Amino acid sequence: MNRSRDARALAAAFGVFVLCLTVRANAVPNQRPAPPPAPVQPIPYSHRLHAGTLGLACTMCHVNPGQGRLMTYPPASTCTSCHRTNTAGSQSLQRLIALAALPQPIPWVRVYRLPDYVFWSHASHLAAKIACEDCHGPVATREAIALETDVTTMTGCQRCHERRQVLMDCGDCHEPRQ
């Protein structure tokens, strides 16, 4: 008699557990939140035109210097090397020429940003032949660049390393570097 009562209690507890899981699964959507919109840049720049239609390589404008933590934004001289004669009638090209005449660089707004406590290098990923699109999405099809991948999160990094079967150690990213 005790065994049947215990079995009923266990079955009831299991039923409540399954019910809780079902309610939770239906209450929490299995989707990531929508990415933020593209930031407003000082000059409208079409990656669709430059990287897509014209086929310019990412590294033609975004150079990877020294240690390679960040890809740089192009100096105004890179832009004006192509656009120096084509300024009439376009407000954005006129703005480019005006910004190029100033002593400071064009104030582009960074889209992908890592926390300061994370050590990360574009150089090692470029050496491993990781394509820009693998982390930043289909840039060549985008008019404006927005944060559309989770590449700046630990989960995004871990998922990519697991997919490529690359070893991971906490100290690789979180160890203080000189």
Protein backbone atom coordinates (compact mmCIF):
# COMPACT_ATOMS: atom_id res chain seq x y z
CA MET A 1 0.00 0.00 0.00
CA ASN A 2 2.85 2.41 0.76
CA ARG A 3 4.47 1.54 -2.54
CA SER A 4 1.39 2.45 -4.57
CA ARG A 5 1.03 5.73 -2.67
CA ASP A 6 4.72 6.49 -3.26
CA ALA A 7 4.34 5.62 -6.95
CA ARG A 8 1.31 7.95 -7.27
CA ALA A 9 3.19 10.75 -5.50
CA LEU A 10 6.20 10.23 -7.77
CA ALA A 11 3.95 10.20 -10.86
CA ALA A 12 2.23 13.39 -9.70
CA ALA A 13 5.56 15.11 -9.05
CA PHE A 14 6.80 14.03 -12.47
CA GLY A 15 3.59 15.36 -14.04
CA VAL A 16 4.06 18.74 -12.34
CA PHE A 17 7.69 18.80 -13.52
CA VAL A 18 6.67 18.08 -17.14
CA LEU A 19 3.92 20.72 -16.91
CA CYS A 20 6.44 23.32 -15.66
CA LEU A 21 8.85 22.50 -18.49
CA THR A 22 6.04 22.77 -21.04
CA VAL A 23 4.88 26.14 -19.70
CA ARG A 24 8.47 27.47 -19.65
CA ALA A 25 9.17 26.24 -23.18
CA ASN A 26 6.07 27.99 -24.48
CA ALA A 27 6.66 31.18 -22.49
CA VAL A 28 10.28 31.80 -23.57
CA PRO A 29 10.71 32.42 -27.30
CA ASN A 30 13.59 30.56 -28.90
CA GLN A 31 14.82 33.60 -30.78
CA ARG A 32 17.56 36.13 -30.30
CA PRO A 33 16.43 39.71 -29.91
CA ALA A 34 16.43 41.82 -33.05
CA PRO A 35 19.81 43.41 -33.72
CA PRO A 36 20.15 47.15 -33.17
CA PRO A 37 19.85 49.36 -36.24
CA ALA A 38 22.96 50.48 -38.08
CA PRO A 39 24.54 53.52 -36.44
CA VAL A 40 24.46 56.81 -38.29
CA GLN A 41 27.87 57.34 -39.87
CA PRO A 42 29.39 60.75 -40.62
CA ILE A 43 29.21 59.95 -44.33
CA PRO A 44 26.78 57.46 -45.87
CA TYR A 45 28.87 54.55 -47.11
CA SER A 46 27.47 51.68 -49.16
CA HIS A 47 29.24 48.39 -48.55
CA ARG A 48 26.85 46.93 -51.15
CA LEU A 49 28.35 49.23 -53.79
CA HIS A 50 32.01 49.16 -52.73
CA ALA A 51 32.44 45.53 -51.55
CA GLY A 52 29.59 44.05 -53.59
CA THR A 53 29.23 45.71 -56.97
CA LEU A 54 32.81 47.03 -57.25
CA GLY A 55 34.30 43.96 -55.56
CA LEU A 56 36.73 45.85 -53.33
CA ALA A 57 38.40 43.62 -50.73
CA CYS A 58 37.69 44.50 -47.09
CA THR A 59 41.41 44.96 -46.46
CA MET A 60 41.65 47.62 -49.16
CA CYS A 61 39.99 50.03 -46.74
CA HIS A 62 40.28 48.24 -43.38
CA VAL A 63 43.97 47.69 -42.62
CA ASN A 64 45.15 45.37 -39.84
CA PRO A 65 48.14 47.05 -38.18
CA GLY A 66 50.68 45.64 -35.73
CA GLN A 67 49.12 43.35 -33.13
CA GLY A 68 45.90 43.36 -35.12
CA ARG A 69 43.35 43.88 -32.35
CA LEU A 70 41.20 46.21 -34.44
CA MET A 71 40.87 46.65 -38.14
CA THR A 72 41.30 50.33 -38.85
CA TYR A 73 39.00 52.67 -40.67
CA PRO A 74 40.41 54.08 -43.87
CA PRO A 75 42.06 57.45 -43.74
CA ALA A 76 40.31 60.10 -45.80
CA SER A 77 43.14 59.86 -48.33
CA THR A 78 42.07 56.28 -49.16
CA CYS A 79 38.56 57.50 -49.95
CA THR A 80 39.69 60.58 -51.86
CA SER A 81 42.14 58.55 -53.97
CA CYS A 82 39.07 57.33 -55.87
CA HIS A 83 36.66 60.20 -55.22
CA ARG A 84 38.88 63.26 -55.65
CA THR A 85 37.42 64.18 -59.04
CA ASN A 86 33.84 63.05 -58.53
CA THR A 87 32.40 65.52 -56.03
CA ALA A 88 29.88 67.64 -57.92
CA GLY A 89 26.22 67.07 -57.16
CA SER A 90 26.67 64.65 -54.28
CA GLN A 91 26.26 65.93 -50.73
CA SER A 92 27.96 62.88 -49.24
CA LEU A 93 31.01 63.24 -51.52
CA GLN A 94 31.17 66.96 -50.73
CA ARG A 95 31.06 66.05 -47.02
CA LEU A 96 33.88 63.55 -47.61
CA ILE A 97 36.05 66.26 -49.19
CA ALA A 98 35.26 68.64 -46.30
CA LEU A 99 36.14 65.99 -43.68
CA ALA A 100 39.31 65.05 -45.59
CA ALA A 101 40.48 68.66 -45.32
CA LEU A 102 40.37 68.50 -41.51
CA PRO A 103 43.43 67.40 -39.49
CA GLN A 104 41.57 64.66 -37.57
CA PRO A 105 40.36 61.37 -39.08
CA ILE A 106 36.80 60.86 -40.25
CA PRO A 107 34.82 60.04 -37.07
CA TRP A 108 33.41 56.67 -38.18
CA VAL A 109 31.21 54.93 -35.62
CA ARG A 110 32.46 51.43 -34.69
CA VAL A 111 29.76 48.75 -35.02
CA TYR A 112 31.46 45.69 -33.52
CA ARG A 113 33.01 46.32 -30.09
CA LEU A 114 34.64 43.94 -27.60
CA PRO A 115 34.98 44.63 -23.89
CA ASP A 116 38.39 46.00 -22.90
CA TYR A 117 39.12 42.96 -20.73
CA VAL A 118 38.99 40.62 -23.74
CA PHE A 119 42.16 40.00 -25.70
CA TRP A 120 41.33 39.27 -29.33
CA SER A 121 43.25 39.63 -32.57
CA HIS A 122 42.14 39.99 -36.15
CA ALA A 123 45.68 39.00 -37.18
CA SER A 124 45.40 35.41 -35.92
CA HIS A 125 41.97 34.98 -37.47
CA LEU A 126 43.12 36.39 -40.83
CA ALA A 127 46.13 34.04 -40.70
CA ALA A 128 43.67 31.15 -40.15
CA LYS A 129 41.89 32.26 -43.35
CA ILE A 130 38.67 33.21 -41.57
CA ALA A 131 36.64 35.30 -44.01
CA CYS A 132 35.31 38.67 -42.82
CA GLU A 133 31.78 37.46 -43.63
CA ASP A 134 32.13 34.55 -41.21
CA CYS A 135 32.07 37.00 -38.30
CA HIS A 136 30.45 40.13 -39.70
CA GLY A 137 27.75 38.65 -41.90
CA PRO A 138 27.14 39.31 -45.60
CA VAL A 139 28.68 42.79 -45.58
CA ALA A 140 28.86 42.99 -49.38
CA THR A 141 25.05 42.87 -49.55
CA ARG A 142 24.50 45.59 -46.94
CA GLU A 143 23.96 49.24 -47.59
CA ALA A 144 24.86 50.13 -44.00
CA ILE A 145 26.60 47.90 -41.48
CA ALA A 146 24.75 46.93 -38.32
CA LEU A 147 25.58 44.50 -35.54
CA GLU A 148 23.99 41.34 -36.94
CA THR A 149 26.06 38.51 -35.47
CA ASP A 150 26.99 37.48 -31.95
CA VAL A 151 30.70 37.57 -32.76
CA THR A 152 31.39 40.00 -29.90
CA THR A 153 29.98 37.61 -27.30
CA MET A 154 31.70 34.72 -25.57
CA THR A 155 28.96 32.39 -26.86
CA GLY A 156 29.62 33.49 -30.44
CA CYS A 157 33.35 32.89 -30.09
CA GLN A 158 32.87 29.50 -28.44
CA ARG A 159 30.37 28.37 -31.08
CA CYS A 160 32.78 29.27 -33.90
CA HIS A 161 35.74 27.58 -32.20
CA GLU A 162 33.68 24.44 -31.58
CA ARG A 163 32.47 24.38 -35.19
CA ARG A 164 36.08 24.66 -36.42
CA GLN A 165 37.39 22.29 -33.71
CA VAL A 166 39.80 24.89 -32.34
CA LEU A 167 40.93 24.46 -28.75
CA MET A 168 39.74 27.05 -26.26
CA ASP A 169 41.28 28.06 -22.97
CA CYS A 170 39.94 30.87 -20.77
CA GLY A 171 43.41 32.43 -20.62
CA ASP A 172 43.54 32.81 -24.40
CA CYS A 173 41.02 35.65 -24.25
CA HIS A 174 40.89 36.73 -20.63
CA GLU A 175 44.54 36.67 -19.57
CA PRO A 176 46.09 40.14 -19.13
CA ARG A 177 48.39 40.98 -22.05
CA GLN A 178 51.35 43.33 -22.17
